[in-house]
Amino acid sequence: MASISLGPSPARRDVLAKRIRLLVAATITYNVVEAAVALTAGTIASSTALIGFGLDSVIEVSSATAVAWQFSARDHAVRDAREKTTLRIVAVSFFALAAYVTFDALRALTGTGEAEASVPGIVIAALSLAIMPFLSAAQRKAGRELGSASAIADSKQTLLCTYLSAVLLVGLVLNATLGWSWADPIAALVIAAIAVKEGRDAWQGKGCCAAPAAVAAPSVGAPSDACGRRPECDCCS
């Protein structure tokens, strides 16, 4: 006999949706500031890594804005209907980020341009490394409980910014202290590969398979985890 997997109550879903809206708003606000600082500092220092980081922030704003659009709807059915479109936007953001980071890394490896040391760049990278993991974890937790693939996908976009921040920080510090200009682009290529994977998962709708209300468990013979969701899903806490 099929069991029943109960999702959050309507009241709890409203709380989670509001929390996601606040987290997305905080992410957008910070990334706007981050983009302005990184692009300005990168232009002054002729740093392709900093400019790329600033453009990544712009892409993250587009991803977070898509999620904000989805959760601006008060009606649960409307939010659910916007889920697929939002996932597509998040996925395209990942692909765009991967394409730019790859191009920028290859250009850096060929020795195009020589960046100067940038103290503002080091500061903004360090701040992002400290702030982004908390924003990502909070949104991911709320997205899991709510059963929102788009919220989880956007939280991964924020987490990717953490990796990029670490790469940028190491690259800027090594460039400023040891002159190792190759370290940043090599690590950036790894980040680009991760971005492609996350973009593919978002496009396919992976990451969360929960239904927002009561959902019948899979039929007999269909594997599921402790949450009653398929093994490829990523919603269980």
Protein backbone atom coordinates (compact mmCIF):
# COMPACT_ATOMS: atom_id res chain seq x y z
CA MET A 1 0.00 0.00 0.00
CA ALA A 2 1.39 3.39 -0.96
CA SER A 3 2.27 5.68 1.93
CA ILE A 4 1.64 9.38 2.07
CA SER A 5 4.46 11.94 2.28
CA LEU A 6 3.29 15.19 3.76
CA GLY A 7 4.99 18.42 2.81
CA PRO A 8 4.98 21.68 4.78
CA SER A 9 1.63 23.11 5.86
CA PRO A 10 0.29 26.12 3.92
CA ALA A 11 1.28 28.43 6.79
CA ARG A 12 4.80 27.00 6.88
CA ARG A 13 5.09 27.32 3.11
CA ASP A 14 4.21 31.00 3.36
CA VAL A 15 6.94 31.46 5.99
CA LEU A 16 9.49 29.65 3.81
CA ALA A 17 8.50 31.62 0.71
CA LYS A 18 8.92 34.89 2.62
CA ARG A 19 12.31 33.74 3.91
CA ILE A 20 13.46 32.91 0.38
CA ARG A 21 12.30 36.34 -0.85
CA LEU A 22 14.35 38.04 1.89
CA LEU A 23 17.43 35.91 1.18
CA VAL A 24 17.17 36.58 -2.55
CA ALA A 25 16.81 40.31 -1.88
CA ALA A 26 19.94 40.23 0.30
CA THR A 27 21.80 38.30 -2.40
CA ILE A 28 20.80 40.78 -5.10
CA THR A 29 21.76 43.78 -2.97
CA TYR A 30 25.17 42.38 -2.08
CA ASN A 31 25.93 41.30 -5.65
CA VAL A 32 25.10 44.75 -7.02
CA VAL A 33 27.67 46.24 -4.63
CA GLU A 34 30.12 43.43 -5.37
CA ALA A 35 29.79 43.95 -9.13
CA ALA A 36 30.36 47.70 -8.87
CA VAL A 37 33.48 47.29 -6.71
CA ALA A 38 34.94 44.40 -8.73
CA LEU A 39 34.37 46.00 -12.14
CA THR A 40 35.79 49.34 -11.00
CA ALA A 41 38.83 47.78 -9.28
CA GLY A 42 39.38 45.41 -12.20
CA THR A 43 39.35 48.24 -14.73
CA ILE A 44 41.80 50.29 -12.68
CA ALA A 45 44.17 47.33 -12.16
CA SER A 46 43.65 45.87 -15.69
CA SER A 47 42.68 42.61 -13.97
CA THR A 48 40.69 40.23 -16.16
CA ALA A 49 40.03 38.06 -13.10
CA LEU A 50 38.41 40.93 -11.22
CA ILE A 51 36.40 42.03 -14.23
CA GLY A 52 35.25 38.44 -14.73
CA PHE A 53 34.28 38.26 -11.07
CA GLY A 54 32.27 41.45 -11.45
CA LEU A 55 30.46 40.08 -14.49
CA ASP A 56 29.76 36.90 -12.53
CA SER A 57 28.03 39.08 -9.94
CA VAL A 58 25.85 40.56 -12.69
CA ILE A 59 24.89 37.04 -13.79
CA GLU A 60 24.08 36.10 -10.20
CA VAL A 61 21.78 39.11 -9.95
CA SER A 62 19.86 37.86 -13.00
CA SER A 63 19.54 34.40 -11.44
CA ALA A 64 18.39 35.76 -8.08
CA THR A 65 15.98 38.14 -9.79
CA ALA A 66 14.38 35.18 -11.58
CA VAL A 67 13.81 33.44 -8.25
CA ALA A 68 12.49 36.67 -6.73
CA TRP A 69 10.01 36.88 -9.63
CA GLN A 70 8.84 33.35 -8.96
CA PHE A 71 8.33 33.92 -5.24
CA SER A 72 6.73 37.34 -5.69
CA ALA A 73 3.52 35.44 -6.43
CA ARG A 74 1.47 34.93 -3.27
CA ASP A 75 -0.51 32.05 -4.74
CA HIS A 76 1.15 28.65 -4.43
CA ALA A 77 -0.16 27.46 -7.80
CA VAL A 78 1.29 30.49 -9.58
CA ARG A 79 4.70 29.93 -7.96
CA ASP A 80 4.65 26.29 -8.99
CA ALA A 81 3.77 27.27 -12.58
CA ARG A 82 6.75 29.67 -12.69
CA GLU A 83 9.17 27.00 -11.44
CA LYS A 84 10.21 25.63 -14.85
CA THR A 85 10.79 29.07 -16.37
CA THR A 86 12.85 30.09 -13.36
CA LEU A 87 14.96 26.94 -13.59
CA ARG A 88 15.65 27.68 -17.26
CA ILE A 89 16.85 31.19 -16.40
CA VAL A 90 19.07 29.88 -13.60
CA ALA A 91 20.49 27.22 -15.94
CA VAL A 92 21.27 29.78 -18.66
CA SER A 93 22.99 31.92 -16.02
CA PHE A 94 25.24 28.97 -15.12
CA PHE A 95 26.09 28.33 -18.78
CA ALA A 96 26.84 32.02 -19.40
CA LEU A 97 29.06 32.11 -16.33
CA ALA A 98 30.94 28.97 -17.43
CA ALA A 99 31.45 30.36 -20.93
CA TYR A 100 32.85 33.66 -19.71
CA VAL A 101 35.08 32.12 -17.02
CA THR A 102 36.49 29.66 -19.58
CA PHE A 103 37.17 32.41 -22.11
CA ASP A 104 38.73 34.64 -19.46
CA ALA A 105 40.88 31.82 -18.06
CA LEU A 106 42.19 30.80 -21.49
CA ARG A 107 42.97 34.40 -22.31
CA ALA A 108 44.87 34.75 -19.02
CA LEU A 109 46.82 31.54 -19.70
CA THR A 110 47.96 32.88 -23.08
CA GLY A 111 49.49 35.84 -21.29
CA THR A 112 47.14 38.52 -22.59
CA GLY A 113 47.65 41.53 -20.35
CA GLU A 114 49.36 41.77 -16.96
CA ALA A 115 47.22 42.72 -13.99
CA GLU A 116 48.44 45.03 -11.26
CA ALA A 117 47.96 44.31 -7.56
CA SER A 118 44.52 45.37 -6.28
CA VAL A 119 43.83 45.88 -2.58
CA PRO A 120 40.10 46.64 -3.15
CA GLY A 121 39.87 43.42 -5.17
CA ILE A 122 41.40 41.40 -2.34
CA VAL A 123 39.00 42.99 0.15
CA ILE A 124 35.83 42.32 -1.88
CA ALA A 125 36.93 38.73 -2.57
CA ALA A 126 37.54 38.12 1.13
CA LEU A 127 34.16 39.62 2.07
CA SER A 128 32.37 37.45 -0.49
CA LEU A 129 34.17 34.38 0.79
CA ALA A 130 32.87 35.15 4.29
CA ILE A 131 29.28 36.16 3.38
CA MET A 132 28.19 33.97 0.46
CA PRO A 133 28.35 30.55 2.20
CA PHE A 134 25.81 31.68 4.81
CA LEU A 135 23.40 33.10 2.22
CA SER A 136 23.69 29.96 0.13
CA ALA A 137 23.17 27.57 3.06
CA ALA A 138 20.14 29.48 4.36
CA GLN A 139 18.44 29.58 0.94
CA ARG A 140 19.26 25.95 0.25
CA LYS A 141 17.76 24.86 3.58
CA ALA A 142 14.53 26.80 2.93
CA GLY A 143 14.38 25.55 -0.66
CA ARG A 144 14.75 21.94 0.46
CA GLU A 145 11.98 22.19 3.01
CA LEU A 146 9.68 23.98 0.57
CA GLY A 147 10.52 21.61 -2.26
CA SER A 148 11.66 24.33 -4.67
CA ALA A 149 14.19 23.27 -7.30
CA SER A 150 14.69 26.87 -8.44
CA ALA A 151 15.53 28.11 -4.93
CA ILE A 152 18.06 25.28 -4.55
CA ALA A 153 19.54 25.97 -8.00
CA ASP A 154 19.95 29.65 -7.14
CA SER A 155 21.56 28.72 -3.81
CA LYS A 156 24.09 26.71 -5.82
CA GLN A 157 24.74 29.78 -7.94
CA THR A 158 25.50 31.67 -4.72
CA LEU A 159 27.72 28.82 -3.53
CA LEU A 160 29.57 28.93 -6.84
CA CYS A 161 30.31 32.59 -6.10
CA THR A 162 32.03 31.37 -2.93
CA TYR A 163 34.32 29.15 -4.99
CA LEU A 164 35.01 31.97 -7.42
CA SER A 165 35.76 34.27 -4.49
CA ALA A 166 38.31 31.79 -3.17
CA VAL A 167 39.87 31.42 -6.61
CA LEU A 168 39.98 35.18 -7.09
CA LEU A 169 41.44 35.79 -3.62
CA VAL A 170 44.19 33.21 -4.09
CA GLY A 171 44.96 34.52 -7.57
CA LEU A 172 45.13 38.16 -6.47
CA VAL A 173 47.27 37.36 -3.43
CA LEU A 174 49.67 35.15 -5.40
CA ASN A 175 49.89 37.76 -8.14
CA ALA A 176 50.57 40.50 -5.61
CA THR A 177 53.16 38.53 -3.59
CA LEU A 178 54.78 35.91 -5.84
CA GLY A 179 53.79 36.87 -9.36
CA TRP A 180 52.15 33.47 -10.05
CA SER A 181 49.70 34.59 -12.69
CA TRP A 182 48.83 31.03 -13.83
CA ALA A 183 47.17 29.90 -10.55
CA ASP A 184 43.93 31.84 -11.02
CA PRO A 185 43.02 30.72 -14.56
CA ILE A 186 43.73 27.04 -13.84
CA ALA A 187 41.41 27.04 -10.83
CA ALA A 188 38.85 29.08 -12.80
CA LEU A 189 38.63 26.31 -15.42
CA VAL A 190 37.65 23.87 -12.66
CA ILE A 191 34.94 26.29 -11.51
CA ALA A 192 33.68 26.55 -15.09
CA ALA A 193 33.30 22.76 -15.25
CA ILE A 194 31.28 22.83 -12.01
CA ALA A 195 29.10 25.61 -13.43
CA VAL A 196 28.31 23.52 -16.52
CA LYS A 197 27.23 20.58 -14.34
CA GLU A 198 25.02 22.75 -12.14
CA GLY A 199 23.51 24.41 -15.20
CA ARG A 200 22.71 21.04 -16.72
CA ASP A 201 21.08 19.87 -13.48
CA ALA A 202 18.99 23.04 -13.27
CA TRP A 203 17.90 22.71 -16.92
CA GLN A 204 16.82 19.12 -16.30
CA GLY A 205 14.97 20.13 -13.14
CA LYS A 206 17.18 18.12 -10.81
CA GLY A 207 17.91 19.16 -7.25
CA CYS A 208 14.45 18.93 -5.70
CA CYS A 209 11.53 16.68 -6.45
CA ALA A 210 9.25 17.41 -3.54
CA ALA A 211 5.65 18.32 -4.08
CA PRO A 212 4.43 21.28 -2.05
CA ALA A 213 1.60 19.51 -0.33
CA ALA A 214 0.58 15.92 0.39
CA VAL A 215 2.01 13.62 -2.23
CA ALA A 216 1.50 9.94 -2.75
CA ALA A 217 4.68 7.93 -2.51
CA PRO A 218 6.04 6.21 -5.60
CA SER A 219 4.37 3.00 -6.66
CA VAL A 220 5.60 -0.33 -5.37
CA GLY A 221 8.96 -1.16 -6.90
CA ALA A 222 9.96 2.49 -7.52
CA PRO A 223 12.97 3.33 -5.32
CA SER A 224 12.70 6.27 -2.97
CA ASP A 225 14.62 7.70 -0.05
CA ALA A 226 13.55 8.37 3.51
CA CYS A 227 11.67 11.44 2.40
CA GLY A 228 9.65 9.53 -0.17
CA ARG A 229 11.55 11.19 -2.99
CA ARG A 230 13.60 9.66 -5.77
CA PRO A 231 17.34 9.06 -5.11
CA GLU A 232 18.45 11.75 -7.61
CA CYS A 233 16.54 14.42 -5.69
CA ASP A 234 18.34 16.77 -3.33
CA CYS A 235 15.70 17.99 -0.91
CA CYS A 236 16.17 15.86 2.18
CA SER A 237 17.87 17.56 5.06
